[in-house]
Amino acid sequence: MIGNREFLYALAFLIVIGVLAVVGLPGNILNLFIFMMIIALAAQGWNLLGGYGGLSSFGHAAFFGTGAYTTAILQTNFGFNAWVGLVCGVAFGSIVGAVIGFLSFRAGLRGSYFALITLAFAEVLRVLANSWSVTGGAAGMLVRLQNGFTYLQFSDRRYFLLILIAFVAATLFLTRWLERSAFGAYLVALRENDQAAQALGVDVFRIKMQAITLSAGVTALAGCLYVQNFLFIDANVAYGSWISIEALFAAIVGGAGTIIGPLIGSVVLLGLGELTKSFAGGIAGIDLVVFGVILVLCVAFAPNGIRGFFSDLAHKRANRMDAA
């Protein structure tokens, strides 16, 4: 029941944003919502692996950047349709996830070792992209401005926000399916105790491979849409640690291992960050300070994230009412 309710809350929130976009939003608020949806996608990608599977990654930039560069290269160098580039970006991001997963899980890496190896792969890809002529090297790549649905670019940015909302809603349905499927149950079992799950007959390697491939594909989708929004990508943006941190923070702050957690986290972190910057003026990095403070508060007072905090309050209230 709780899962159904929070799923409906998340869909209702997305519908409200969509209605506001259609009615009309100031340009800065519209851009903020667009970026929130991109981060929510990346956070949901991290959540599928780190939240449900307990395989915490510090290098989801490897998947984000692969999706971003794939769609940018296919459009710029080969004249591909933006939607074809997006599909290929998701596919290549999934392949990178499968390769990293195969090498890591075959070696038996888990915990902090797995987190660090994903960070190392992201850094290797950043260095390669920064020096490879196909990716534009240190100068990066510009995607040609061509308005139209085929190019996933619009003179009216409200349409792009609506497409992003549709993608975020699709990941909510994906996560809801995950929670109800046998694959999701196996994944949670690995999070709780992978050795016990293996003793009970769960194919640990196969489940982990499926989880990281799915997680990488969703995160690569965020990278593809990032490129279509900003029309520029370079190695430090695509494979930089910023996206790994924001995806991880949003999922943990909102509530890792839940449907609605990554969406809550992205809205709270980016919303408070922008609000702080508007009041603090041009202080560089003030939003990162806000991120750090929120994370510390969550670890100290809400270890299960914002969603878990309010869920615990609701349970306590219900118990008091039952006792009365």
C-alpha atoms as a PDB file:
ATOM      1  CA  MET A   1       0.000   0.000   0.000  1.00  0.00           C
ATOM      2  CA  ILE A   2       2.797   2.424   0.886  1.00  0.00           C
ATOM      3  CA  GLY A   3       4.530   1.759  -2.422  1.00  0.00           C
ATOM      4  CA  ASN A   4       1.306   2.361  -4.356  1.00  0.00           C
ATOM      5  CA  ARG A   5       0.624   5.575  -2.478  1.00  0.00           C
ATOM      6  CA  GLU A   6       4.064   7.070  -2.991  1.00  0.00           C
ATOM      7  CA  PHE A   7       3.980   6.030  -6.651  1.00  0.00           C
ATOM      8  CA  LEU A   8       0.716   7.958  -7.094  1.00  0.00           C
ATOM      9  CA  TYR A   9       2.155  10.937  -5.189  1.00  0.00           C
ATOM     10  CA  ALA A  10       5.130  11.006  -7.543  1.00  0.00           C
ATOM     11  CA  LEU A  11       2.911  10.844 -10.636  1.00  0.00           C
ATOM     12  CA  ALA A  12       0.688  13.605  -9.212  1.00  0.00           C
ATOM     13  CA  PHE A  13       3.746  15.798  -8.636  1.00  0.00           C
ATOM     14  CA  LEU A  14       4.902  15.276 -12.225  1.00  0.00           C
ATOM     15  CA  ILE A  15       1.403  16.089 -13.514  1.00  0.00           C
ATOM     16  CA  VAL A  16       1.393  19.319 -11.500  1.00  0.00           C
ATOM     17  CA  ILE A  17       4.751  20.336 -12.991  1.00  0.00           C
ATOM     18  CA  GLY A  18       3.444  19.508 -16.466  1.00  0.00           C
ATOM     19  CA  VAL A  19       0.321  21.601 -15.950  1.00  0.00           C
ATOM     20  CA  LEU A  20       2.385  24.517 -14.638  1.00  0.00           C
ATOM     21  CA  ALA A  21       4.644  24.238 -17.678  1.00  0.00           C
ATOM     22  CA  VAL A  22       1.664  24.367 -20.038  1.00  0.00           C
ATOM     23  CA  VAL A  23       0.065  27.279 -18.174  1.00  0.00           C
ATOM     24  CA  GLY A  24       3.343  29.173 -18.154  1.00  0.00           C
ATOM     25  CA  LEU A  25       6.431  29.403 -15.967  1.00  0.00           C
ATOM     26  CA  PRO A  26       9.177  32.045 -15.737  1.00  0.00           C
ATOM     27  CA  GLY A  27      12.226  31.085 -17.768  1.00  0.00           C
ATOM     28  CA  ASN A  28      14.503  30.531 -14.780  1.00  0.00           C
ATOM     29  CA  ILE A  29      11.952  28.280 -13.038  1.00  0.00           C
ATOM     30  CA  LEU A  30      11.411  26.343 -16.269  1.00  0.00           C
ATOM     31  CA  ASN A  31      15.158  25.771 -16.621  1.00  0.00           C
ATOM     32  CA  LEU A  32      15.340  24.672 -12.982  1.00  0.00           C
ATOM     33  CA  PHE A  33      12.587  22.098 -13.479  1.00  0.00           C
ATOM     34  CA  ILE A  34      14.326  20.807 -16.613  1.00  0.00           C
ATOM     35  CA  PHE A  35      17.571  20.304 -14.709  1.00  0.00           C
ATOM     36  CA  MET A  36      15.685  18.712 -11.800  1.00  0.00           C
ATOM     37  CA  MET A  37      14.196  16.123 -14.122  1.00  0.00           C
ATOM     38  CA  ILE A  38      17.616  15.302 -15.632  1.00  0.00           C
ATOM     39  CA  ILE A  39      19.127  14.817 -12.168  1.00  0.00           C
ATOM     40  CA  ALA A  40      16.063  12.798 -11.099  1.00  0.00           C
ATOM     41  CA  LEU A  41      16.716  10.413 -14.003  1.00  0.00           C
ATOM     42  CA  ALA A  42      20.386  10.041 -13.081  1.00  0.00           C
ATOM     43  CA  ALA A  43      19.461   9.558  -9.406  1.00  0.00           C
ATOM     44  CA  GLN A  44      16.904   6.901 -10.287  1.00  0.00           C
ATOM     45  CA  GLY A  45      19.587   5.142 -12.297  1.00  0.00           C
ATOM     46  CA  TRP A  46      21.870   5.146  -9.247  1.00  0.00           C
ATOM     47  CA  ASN A  47      18.953   4.073  -7.046  1.00  0.00           C
ATOM     48  CA  LEU A  48      18.319   0.924  -9.085  1.00  0.00           C
ATOM     49  CA  LEU A  49      21.845  -0.268  -8.322  1.00  0.00           C
ATOM     50  CA  GLY A  50      22.815   1.397  -5.064  1.00  0.00           C
ATOM     51  CA  GLY A  51      19.408   1.752  -3.419  1.00  0.00           C
ATOM     52  CA  TYR A  52      17.814  -1.592  -4.226  1.00  0.00           C
ATOM     53  CA  GLY A  53      20.947  -3.663  -4.804  1.00  0.00           C
ATOM     54  CA  GLY A  54      23.198  -2.120  -2.168  1.00  0.00           C
ATOM     55  CA  LEU A  55      25.975  -1.754  -4.775  1.00  0.00           C
ATOM     56  CA  SER A  56      26.993   1.830  -4.094  1.00  0.00           C
ATOM     57  CA  SER A  57      28.776   3.469  -7.005  1.00  0.00           C
ATOM     58  CA  PHE A  58      30.946   6.594  -7.062  1.00  0.00           C
ATOM     59  CA  GLY A  59      31.301   6.494 -10.845  1.00  0.00           C
ATOM     60  CA  HIS A  60      27.900   6.770 -12.483  1.00  0.00           C
ATOM     61  CA  ALA A  61      29.469   9.542 -14.542  1.00  0.00           C
ATOM     62  CA  ALA A  62      30.894   6.709 -16.676  1.00  0.00           C
ATOM     63  CA  PHE A  63      27.368   5.892 -17.867  1.00  0.00           C
ATOM     64  CA  PHE A  64      26.094   9.482 -17.994  1.00  0.00           C
ATOM     65  CA  GLY A  65      29.053  10.597 -20.083  1.00  0.00           C
ATOM     66  CA  THR A  66      28.881   7.634 -22.446  1.00  0.00           C
ATOM     67  CA  GLY A  67      25.237   8.361 -23.215  1.00  0.00           C
ATOM     68  CA  ALA A  68      25.971  12.064 -23.675  1.00  0.00           C
ATOM     69  CA  TYR A  69      28.959  11.578 -25.971  1.00  0.00           C
ATOM     70  CA  THR A  70      27.307   8.833 -28.022  1.00  0.00           C
ATOM     71  CA  THR A  71      24.289  10.928 -28.969  1.00  0.00           C
ATOM     72  CA  ALA A  72      26.442  14.034 -29.544  1.00  0.00           C
ATOM     73  CA  ILE A  73      28.907  12.200 -31.808  1.00  0.00           C
ATOM     74  CA  LEU A  74      26.184  10.453 -33.821  1.00  0.00           C
ATOM     75  CA  GLN A  75      24.329  13.720 -34.421  1.00  0.00           C
ATOM     76  CA  THR A  76      27.369  15.928 -35.056  1.00  0.00           C
ATOM     77  CA  ASN A  77      29.703  13.623 -36.986  1.00  0.00           C
ATOM     78  CA  PHE A  78      27.252  11.279 -38.704  1.00  0.00           C
ATOM     79  CA  GLY A  79      24.017  13.275 -39.007  1.00  0.00           C
ATOM     80  CA  PHE A  80      21.890  10.792 -37.055  1.00  0.00           C
ATOM     81  CA  ASN A  81      18.406  11.575 -35.850  1.00  0.00           C
ATOM     82  CA  ALA A  82      18.414  12.740 -32.200  1.00  0.00           C
ATOM     83  CA  TRP A  83      16.047   9.924 -31.188  1.00  0.00           C
ATOM     84  CA  VAL A  84      18.302   7.334 -32.823  1.00  0.00           C
ATOM     85  CA  GLY A  85      21.236   8.943 -31.035  1.00  0.00           C
ATOM     86  CA  LEU A  86      19.323   8.712 -27.757  1.00  0.00           C
ATOM     87  CA  VAL A  87      18.571   5.000 -28.223  1.00  0.00           C
ATOM     88  CA  CYS A  88      22.197   4.317 -29.153  1.00  0.00           C
ATOM     89  CA  GLY A  89      23.385   6.387 -26.185  1.00  0.00           C
ATOM     90  CA  VAL A  90      21.285   4.307 -23.795  1.00  0.00           C
ATOM     91  CA  ALA A  91      22.537   1.104 -25.449  1.00  0.00           C
ATOM     92  CA  PHE A  92      26.214   2.102 -25.263  1.00  0.00           C
ATOM     93  CA  GLY A  93      25.799   3.280 -21.673  1.00  0.00           C
ATOM     94  CA  SER A  94      24.315  -0.117 -20.812  1.00  0.00           C
ATOM     95  CA  ILE A  95      27.220  -1.864 -22.521  1.00  0.00           C
ATOM     96  CA  VAL A  96      29.738   0.168 -20.509  1.00  0.00           C
ATOM     97  CA  GLY A  97      27.821  -0.775 -17.362  1.00  0.00           C
ATOM     98  CA  ALA A  98      27.901  -4.448 -18.339  1.00  0.00           C
ATOM     99  CA  VAL A  99      31.669  -4.326 -18.991  1.00  0.00           C
ATOM    100  CA  ILE A 100      32.405  -2.609 -15.672  1.00  0.00           C
ATOM    101  CA  GLY A 101      30.076  -5.007 -13.900  1.00  0.00           C
ATOM    102  CA  PHE A 102      31.597  -8.091 -15.513  1.00  0.00           C
ATOM    103  CA  LEU A 103      35.142  -7.093 -14.565  1.00  0.00           C
ATOM    104  CA  SER A 104      34.157  -6.032 -11.048  1.00  0.00           C
ATOM    105  CA  PHE A 105      31.836  -8.884 -10.120  1.00  0.00           C
ATOM    106  CA  ARG A 106      34.072 -11.576 -11.617  1.00  0.00           C
ATOM    107  CA  ALA A 107      36.819 -10.231  -9.370  1.00  0.00           C
ATOM    108  CA  GLY A 108      34.464 -10.417  -6.397  1.00  0.00           C
ATOM    109  CA  LEU A 109      34.561  -6.659  -5.712  1.00  0.00           C
ATOM    110  CA  ARG A 110      31.896  -5.215  -3.445  1.00  0.00           C
ATOM    111  CA  GLY A 111      31.409  -2.472  -0.891  1.00  0.00           C
ATOM    112  CA  SER A 112      34.013   0.292  -0.969  1.00  0.00           C
ATOM    113  CA  TYR A 113      36.135  -1.639  -3.487  1.00  0.00           C
ATOM    114  CA  PHE A 114      33.304  -1.650  -6.009  1.00  0.00           C
ATOM    115  CA  ALA A 115      32.582   2.044  -5.365  1.00  0.00           C
ATOM    116  CA  LEU A 116      36.218   2.975  -5.969  1.00  0.00           C
ATOM    117  CA  ILE A 117      36.566   0.878  -9.133  1.00  0.00           C
ATOM    118  CA  THR A 118      33.547   2.615 -10.682  1.00  0.00           C
ATOM    119  CA  LEU A 119      35.147   5.966  -9.828  1.00  0.00           C
ATOM    120  CA  ALA A 120      38.376   4.808 -11.473  1.00  0.00           C
ATOM    121  CA  PHE A 121      36.567   3.771 -14.677  1.00  0.00           C
ATOM    122  CA  ALA A 122      34.818   7.157 -14.855  1.00  0.00           C
ATOM    123  CA  GLU A 123      38.163   8.932 -14.475  1.00  0.00           C
ATOM    124  CA  VAL A 124      39.787   6.790 -17.184  1.00  0.00           C
ATOM    125  CA  LEU A 125      36.946   7.624 -19.577  1.00  0.00           C
ATOM    126  CA  ARG A 126      37.269  11.320 -18.710  1.00  0.00           C
ATOM    127  CA  VAL A 127      40.975  11.305 -19.592  1.00  0.00           C
ATOM    128  CA  LEU A 128      40.317   9.437 -22.852  1.00  0.00           C
ATOM    129  CA  ALA A 129      37.503  11.782 -23.876  1.00  0.00           C
ATOM    130  CA  ASN A 130      39.672  14.779 -23.053  1.00  0.00           C
ATOM    131  CA  SER A 131      42.391  13.635 -25.454  1.00  0.00           C
ATOM    132  CA  TRP A 132      40.425  11.898 -28.235  1.00  0.00           C
ATOM    133  CA  SER A 133      39.755  13.900 -31.402  1.00  0.00           C
ATOM    134  CA  VAL A 134      36.409  12.164 -32.045  1.00  0.00           C
ATOM    135  CA  THR A 135      35.038  13.658 -28.823  1.00  0.00           C
ATOM    136  CA  GLY A 136      36.422  17.114 -29.597  1.00  0.00           C
ATOM    137  CA  GLY A 137      39.243  16.759 -27.109  1.00  0.00           C
ATOM    138  CA  ALA A 138      39.510  19.408 -24.409  1.00  0.00           C
ATOM    139  CA  ALA A 139      37.389  21.817 -26.466  1.00  0.00           C
ATOM    140  CA  GLY A 140      34.338  19.569 -26.244  1.00  0.00           C
ATOM    141  CA  MET A 141      31.509  19.202 -28.752  1.00  0.00           C
ATOM    142  CA  LEU A 142      28.726  21.484 -29.870  1.00  0.00           C
ATOM    143  CA  VAL A 143      25.481  19.942 -31.113  1.00  0.00           C
ATOM    144  CA  ARG A 144      23.932  21.874 -33.984  1.00  0.00           C
ATOM    145  CA  LEU A 145      20.850  23.898 -33.106  1.00  0.00           C
ATOM    146  CA  GLN A 146      17.891  22.489 -35.078  1.00  0.00           C
ATOM    147  CA  ASN A 147      14.449  23.023 -33.633  1.00  0.00           C
ATOM    148  CA  GLY A 148      11.932  20.254 -34.089  1.00  0.00           C
ATOM    149  CA  PHE A 149      10.671  17.058 -32.498  1.00  0.00           C
ATOM    150  CA  THR A 150      13.018  15.005 -34.698  1.00  0.00           C
ATOM    151  CA  TYR A 151      15.994  16.835 -33.229  1.00  0.00           C
ATOM    152  CA  LEU A 152      14.652  16.875 -29.658  1.00  0.00           C
ATOM    153  CA  GLN A 153      15.093  20.634 -29.612  1.00  0.00           C
ATOM    154  CA  PHE A 154      12.317  23.204 -29.228  1.00  0.00           C
ATOM    155  CA  SER A 155      12.088  26.968 -29.408  1.00  0.00           C
ATOM    156  CA  ASP A 156       9.456  26.642 -26.682  1.00  0.00           C
ATOM    157  CA  ARG A 157      11.292  24.838 -23.881  1.00  0.00           C
ATOM    158  CA  ARG A 158       8.044  23.757 -22.254  1.00  0.00           C
ATOM    159  CA  TYR A 159       7.840  20.903 -24.758  1.00  0.00           C
ATOM    160  CA  PHE A 160      11.265  19.645 -23.712  1.00  0.00           C
ATOM    161  CA  LEU A 161      10.183  19.704 -20.061  1.00  0.00           C
ATOM    162  CA  LEU A 162       7.087  17.666 -20.907  1.00  0.00           C
ATOM    163  CA  ILE A 163       9.251  15.062 -22.652  1.00  0.00           C
ATOM    164  CA  LEU A 164      11.526  14.920 -19.615  1.00  0.00           C
ATOM    165  CA  ILE A 165       8.503  14.465 -17.346  1.00  0.00           C
ATOM    166  CA  ALA A 166       7.392  11.552 -19.528  1.00  0.00           C
ATOM    167  CA  PHE A 167      10.818   9.902 -19.201  1.00  0.00           C
ATOM    168  CA  VAL A 168      10.858  10.391 -15.419  1.00  0.00           C
ATOM    169  CA  ALA A 169       7.347   8.899 -15.213  1.00  0.00           C
ATOM    170  CA  ALA A 170       8.577   5.920 -17.272  1.00  0.00           C
ATOM    171  CA  THR A 171      11.402   5.326 -14.771  1.00  0.00           C
ATOM    172  CA  LEU A 172       8.838   5.449 -11.956  1.00  0.00           C
ATOM    173  CA  PHE A 173       6.880   2.683 -13.686  1.00  0.00           C
ATOM    174  CA  LEU A 174      10.141   0.775 -14.169  1.00  0.00           C
ATOM    175  CA  THR A 175      10.986   1.086 -10.462  1.00  0.00           C
ATOM    176  CA  ARG A 176       7.461   0.064  -9.481  1.00  0.00           C
ATOM    177  CA  TRP A 177       7.797  -3.037 -11.656  1.00  0.00           C
ATOM    178  CA  LEU A 178      11.175  -3.736 -10.049  1.00  0.00           C
ATOM    179  CA  GLU A 179       9.661  -3.667  -6.556  1.00  0.00           C
ATOM    180  CA  ARG A 180       6.962  -6.166  -7.572  1.00  0.00           C
ATOM    181  CA  SER A 181       9.104  -8.537  -9.636  1.00  0.00           C
ATOM    182  CA  ALA A 182      11.161 -11.570  -8.680  1.00  0.00           C
ATOM    183  CA  PHE A 183      14.225  -9.753 -10.005  1.00  0.00           C
ATOM    184  CA  GLY A 184      13.582  -6.925  -7.528  1.00  0.00           C
ATOM    185  CA  ALA A 185      13.181  -9.399  -4.668  1.00  0.00           C
ATOM    186  CA  TYR A 186      16.481 -11.057  -5.590  1.00  0.00           C
ATOM    187  CA  LEU A 187      18.151  -7.663  -5.800  1.00  0.00           C
ATOM    188  CA  VAL A 188      16.978  -6.669  -2.329  1.00  0.00           C
ATOM    189  CA  ALA A 189      18.112 -10.053  -1.025  1.00  0.00           C
ATOM    190  CA  LEU A 190      21.602  -9.315  -2.357  1.00  0.00           C
ATOM    191  CA  ARG A 191      21.538  -5.947  -0.618  1.00  0.00           C
ATOM    192  CA  GLU A 192      20.685  -7.528   2.707  1.00  0.00           C
ATOM    193  CA  ASN A 193      23.098 -10.478   2.471  1.00  0.00           C
ATOM    194  CA  ASP A 194      24.462 -11.617  -0.869  1.00  0.00           C
ATOM    195  CA  GLN A 195      26.135 -14.712   0.593  1.00  0.00           C
ATOM    196  CA  ALA A 196      22.888 -15.901   2.184  1.00  0.00           C
ATOM    197  CA  ALA A 197      21.046 -15.215  -1.083  1.00  0.00           C
ATOM    198  CA  GLN A 198      23.601 -17.281  -3.001  1.00  0.00           C
ATOM    199  CA  ALA A 199      23.231 -20.110  -0.496  1.00  0.00           C
ATOM    200  CA  LEU A 200      19.485 -20.077  -1.191  1.00  0.00           C
ATOM    201  CA  GLY A 201      20.073 -20.533  -4.910  1.00  0.00           C
ATOM    202  CA  VAL A 202      20.054 -16.951  -6.225  1.00  0.00           C
ATOM    203  CA  ASP A 203      22.373 -16.456  -9.196  1.00  0.00           C
ATOM    204  CA  VAL A 204      24.223 -13.513  -7.636  1.00  0.00           C
ATOM    205  CA  PHE A 205      26.436 -12.743 -10.635  1.00  0.00           C
ATOM    206  CA  ARG A 206      23.521 -12.685 -13.091  1.00  0.00           C
ATOM    207  CA  ILE A 207      21.358 -10.449 -10.875  1.00  0.00           C
ATOM    208  CA  LYS A 208      24.208  -8.009 -10.316  1.00  0.00           C
ATOM    209  CA  MET A 209      24.932  -7.880 -14.038  1.00  0.00           C
ATOM    210  CA  GLN A 210      21.295  -7.194 -14.847  1.00  0.00           C
ATOM    211  CA  ALA A 211      21.126  -4.509 -12.165  1.00  0.00           C
ATOM    212  CA  ILE A 212      24.199  -2.577 -13.293  1.00  0.00           C
ATOM    213  CA  THR A 213      23.184  -2.819 -16.951  1.00  0.00           C
ATOM    214  CA  LEU A 214      19.712  -1.454 -16.196  1.00  0.00           C
ATOM    215  CA  SER A 215      21.122   1.242 -13.911  1.00  0.00           C
ATOM    216  CA  ALA A 216      23.668   2.305 -16.526  1.00  0.00           C
ATOM    217  CA  GLY A 217      21.008   2.551 -19.231  1.00  0.00           C
ATOM    218  CA  VAL A 218      18.810   4.888 -17.169  1.00  0.00           C
ATOM    219  CA  THR A 219      21.794   7.064 -16.225  1.00  0.00           C
ATOM    220  CA  ALA A 220      22.931   7.178 -19.869  1.00  0.00           C
ATOM    221  CA  LEU A 221      19.429   8.382 -20.783  1.00  0.00           C
ATOM    222  CA  ALA A 222      19.965  11.341 -18.438  1.00  0.00           C
ATOM    223  CA  GLY A 223      23.241  12.080 -20.229  1.00  0.00           C
ATOM    224  CA  CYS A 224      21.560  12.017 -23.644  1.00  0.00           C
ATOM    225  CA  LEU A 225      18.892  14.460 -22.510  1.00  0.00           C
ATOM    226  CA  TYR A 226      21.502  16.693 -20.874  1.00  0.00           C
ATOM    227  CA  VAL A 227      23.184  17.128 -24.268  1.00  0.00           C
ATOM    228  CA  GLN A 228      19.879  17.917 -25.989  1.00  0.00           C
ATOM    229  CA  ASN A 229      19.210  20.587 -23.393  1.00  0.00           C
ATOM    230  CA  PHE A 230      22.590  22.348 -23.300  1.00  0.00           C
ATOM    231  CA  LEU A 231      23.800  21.402 -26.824  1.00  0.00           C
ATOM    232  CA  PHE A 232      27.356  21.130 -25.519  1.00  0.00           C
ATOM    233  CA  ILE A 233      29.443  18.478 -23.825  1.00  0.00           C
ATOM    234  CA  ASP A 234      33.064  18.127 -22.783  1.00  0.00           C
ATOM    235  CA  ALA A 235      35.000  15.553 -20.785  1.00  0.00           C
ATOM    236  CA  ASN A 236      34.781  17.395 -17.465  1.00  0.00           C
ATOM    237  CA  VAL A 237      31.019  17.746 -17.777  1.00  0.00           C
ATOM    238  CA  ALA A 238      30.304  14.289 -19.200  1.00  0.00           C
ATOM    239  CA  TYR A 239      32.593  12.246 -16.972  1.00  0.00           C
ATOM    240  CA  GLY A 240      33.088  14.713 -14.126  1.00  0.00           C
ATOM    241  CA  SER A 241      32.495  13.720 -10.528  1.00  0.00           C
ATOM    242  CA  TRP A 242      29.698  16.301 -10.192  1.00  0.00           C
ATOM    243  CA  ILE A 243      27.054  14.061 -11.784  1.00  0.00           C
ATOM    244  CA  SER A 244      28.094  11.005  -9.746  1.00  0.00           C
ATOM    245  CA  ILE A 245      27.824  13.097  -6.585  1.00  0.00           C
ATOM    246  CA  GLU A 246      24.474  14.674  -7.454  1.00  0.00           C
ATOM    247  CA  ALA A 247      22.925  11.349  -8.474  1.00  0.00           C
ATOM    248  CA  LEU A 248      24.172   9.703  -5.281  1.00  0.00           C
ATOM    249  CA  PHE A 249      23.164  12.639  -3.034  1.00  0.00           C
ATOM    250  CA  ALA A 250      19.688  12.956  -4.531  1.00  0.00           C
ATOM    251  CA  ALA A 251      18.940   9.261  -4.050  1.00  0.00           C
ATOM    252  CA  ILE A 252      20.300   9.108  -0.502  1.00  0.00           C
ATOM    253  CA  VAL A 253      18.743  12.386   0.672  1.00  0.00           C
ATOM    254  CA  GLY A 254      15.362  11.537  -0.847  1.00  0.00           C
ATOM    255  CA  GLY A 255      15.402   7.913   0.266  1.00  0.00           C
ATOM    256  CA  ALA A 256      17.492   5.199  -1.372  1.00  0.00           C
ATOM    257  CA  GLY A 257      15.699   2.004  -2.299  1.00  0.00           C
ATOM    258  CA  THR A 258      12.330   3.719  -2.761  1.00  0.00           C
ATOM    259  CA  ILE A 259      10.302   4.738  -5.793  1.00  0.00           C
ATOM    260  CA  ILE A 260       9.917   8.397  -4.923  1.00  0.00           C
ATOM    261  CA  GLY A 261      13.217   8.998  -3.114  1.00  0.00           C
ATOM    262  CA  PRO A 262      15.364  10.156  -6.077  1.00  0.00           C
ATOM    263  CA  LEU A 263      12.656  12.566  -7.231  1.00  0.00           C
ATOM    264  CA  ILE A 264      12.309  14.048  -3.737  1.00  0.00           C
ATOM    265  CA  GLY A 265      16.071  14.346  -3.394  1.00  0.00           C
ATOM    266  CA  SER A 266      16.577  16.099  -6.729  1.00  0.00           C
ATOM    267  CA  VAL A 267      13.782  18.591  -6.016  1.00  0.00           C
ATOM    268  CA  VAL A 268      14.993  19.355  -2.478  1.00  0.00           C
ATOM    269  CA  LEU A 269      18.693  19.597  -3.295  1.00  0.00           C
ATOM    270  CA  LEU A 270      18.398  21.657  -6.463  1.00  0.00           C
ATOM    271  CA  GLY A 271      15.510  23.730  -5.149  1.00  0.00           C
ATOM    272  CA  LEU A 272      17.301  24.695  -1.937  1.00  0.00           C
ATOM    273  CA  GLY A 273      20.559  25.173  -3.836  1.00  0.00           C
ATOM    274  CA  GLU A 274      18.967  27.649  -6.251  1.00  0.00           C
ATOM    275  CA  LEU A 275      17.122  29.386  -3.430  1.00  0.00           C
ATOM    276  CA  THR A 276      20.363  29.805  -1.491  1.00  0.00           C
ATOM    277  CA  LYS A 277      22.201  31.156  -4.538  1.00  0.00           C
ATOM    278  CA  SER A 278      19.450  33.708  -5.150  1.00  0.00           C
ATOM    279  CA  PHE A 279      19.781  35.005  -1.573  1.00  0.00           C
ATOM    280  CA  ALA A 280      23.562  34.681  -1.282  1.00  0.00           C
ATOM    281  CA  GLY A 281      24.300  36.485  -4.530  1.00  0.00           C
ATOM    282  CA  GLY A 282      27.322  35.387  -6.535  1.00  0.00           C
ATOM    283  CA  ILE A 283      29.097  33.322  -3.884  1.00  0.00           C
ATOM    284  CA  ALA A 284      30.714  30.497  -5.814  1.00  0.00           C
ATOM    285  CA  GLY A 285      29.983  26.988  -4.571  1.00  0.00           C
ATOM    286  CA  ILE A 286      27.311  28.014  -2.067  1.00  0.00           C
ATOM    287  CA  ASP A 287      24.965  25.370  -3.474  1.00  0.00           C
ATOM    288  CA  LEU A 288      27.575  22.685  -2.725  1.00  0.00           C
ATOM    289  CA  VAL A 289      27.682  23.898   0.876  1.00  0.00           C
ATOM    290  CA  VAL A 290      23.905  23.455   1.008  1.00  0.00           C
ATOM    291  CA  PHE A 291      24.232  19.942  -0.412  1.00  0.00           C
ATOM    292  CA  GLY A 292      26.770  19.056   2.280  1.00  0.00           C
ATOM    293  CA  VAL A 293      24.646  20.469   5.104  1.00  0.00           C
ATOM    294  CA  ILE A 294      21.549  18.608   3.900  1.00  0.00           C
ATOM    295  CA  LEU A 295      23.488  15.344   3.613  1.00  0.00           C
ATOM    296  CA  VAL A 296      24.900  15.715   7.151  1.00  0.00           C
ATOM    297  CA  LEU A 297      21.425  16.453   8.529  1.00  0.00           C
ATOM    298  CA  CYS A 298      19.982  13.429   6.747  1.00  0.00           C
ATOM    299  CA  VAL A 299      22.724  11.118   8.007  1.00  0.00           C
ATOM    300  CA  ALA A 300      22.261  12.428  11.557  1.00  0.00           C
ATOM    301  CA  PHE A 301      18.478  12.667  11.792  1.00  0.00           C
ATOM    302  CA  ALA A 302      17.014  10.844   8.783  1.00  0.00           C
ATOM    303  CA  PRO A 303      19.287   7.915   7.815  1.00  0.00           C
ATOM    304  CA  ASN A 304      16.542   6.561   5.548  1.00  0.00           C
ATOM    305  CA  GLY A 305      16.194   9.871   3.731  1.00  0.00           C
ATOM    306  CA  ILE A 306      13.396  12.405   3.634  1.00  0.00           C
ATOM    307  CA  ARG A 307      10.879   9.839   2.483  1.00  0.00           C
ATOM    308  CA  GLY A 308      11.863   7.491   5.314  1.00  0.00           C
ATOM    309  CA  PHE A 309      11.688  10.326   7.868  1.00  0.00           C
ATOM    310  CA  PHE A 310       8.099  11.200   7.028  1.00  0.00           C
ATOM    311  CA  SER A 311       7.166   7.537   6.726  1.00  0.00           C
ATOM    312  CA  ASP A 312       8.482   6.938  10.255  1.00  0.00           C
ATOM    313  CA  LEU A 313       6.493   9.906  11.525  1.00  0.00           C
ATOM    314  CA  ALA A 314       3.334   8.517   9.920  1.00  0.00           C
ATOM    315  CA  HIS A 315       3.929   5.089  11.502  1.00  0.00           C
ATOM    316  CA  LYS A 316       4.483   6.623  14.942  1.00  0.00           C
ATOM    317  CA  ARG A 317       1.310   8.668  14.596  1.00  0.00           C
ATOM    318  CA  ALA A 318      -0.668   5.596  13.539  1.00  0.00           C
ATOM    319  CA  ASN A 319       0.711   3.613  16.484  1.00  0.00           C
ATOM    320  CA  ARG A 320      -0.279   6.369  18.913  1.00  0.00           C
ATOM    321  CA  MET A 321      -3.780   6.448  17.467  1.00  0.00           C
ATOM    322  CA  ASP A 322      -4.042   2.655  17.755  1.00  0.00           C
ATOM    323  CA  ALA A 323      -2.853   2.795  21.339  1.00  0.00           C
ATOM    324  CA  ALA A 324      -5.369   5.531  22.152  1.00  0.00           C
END
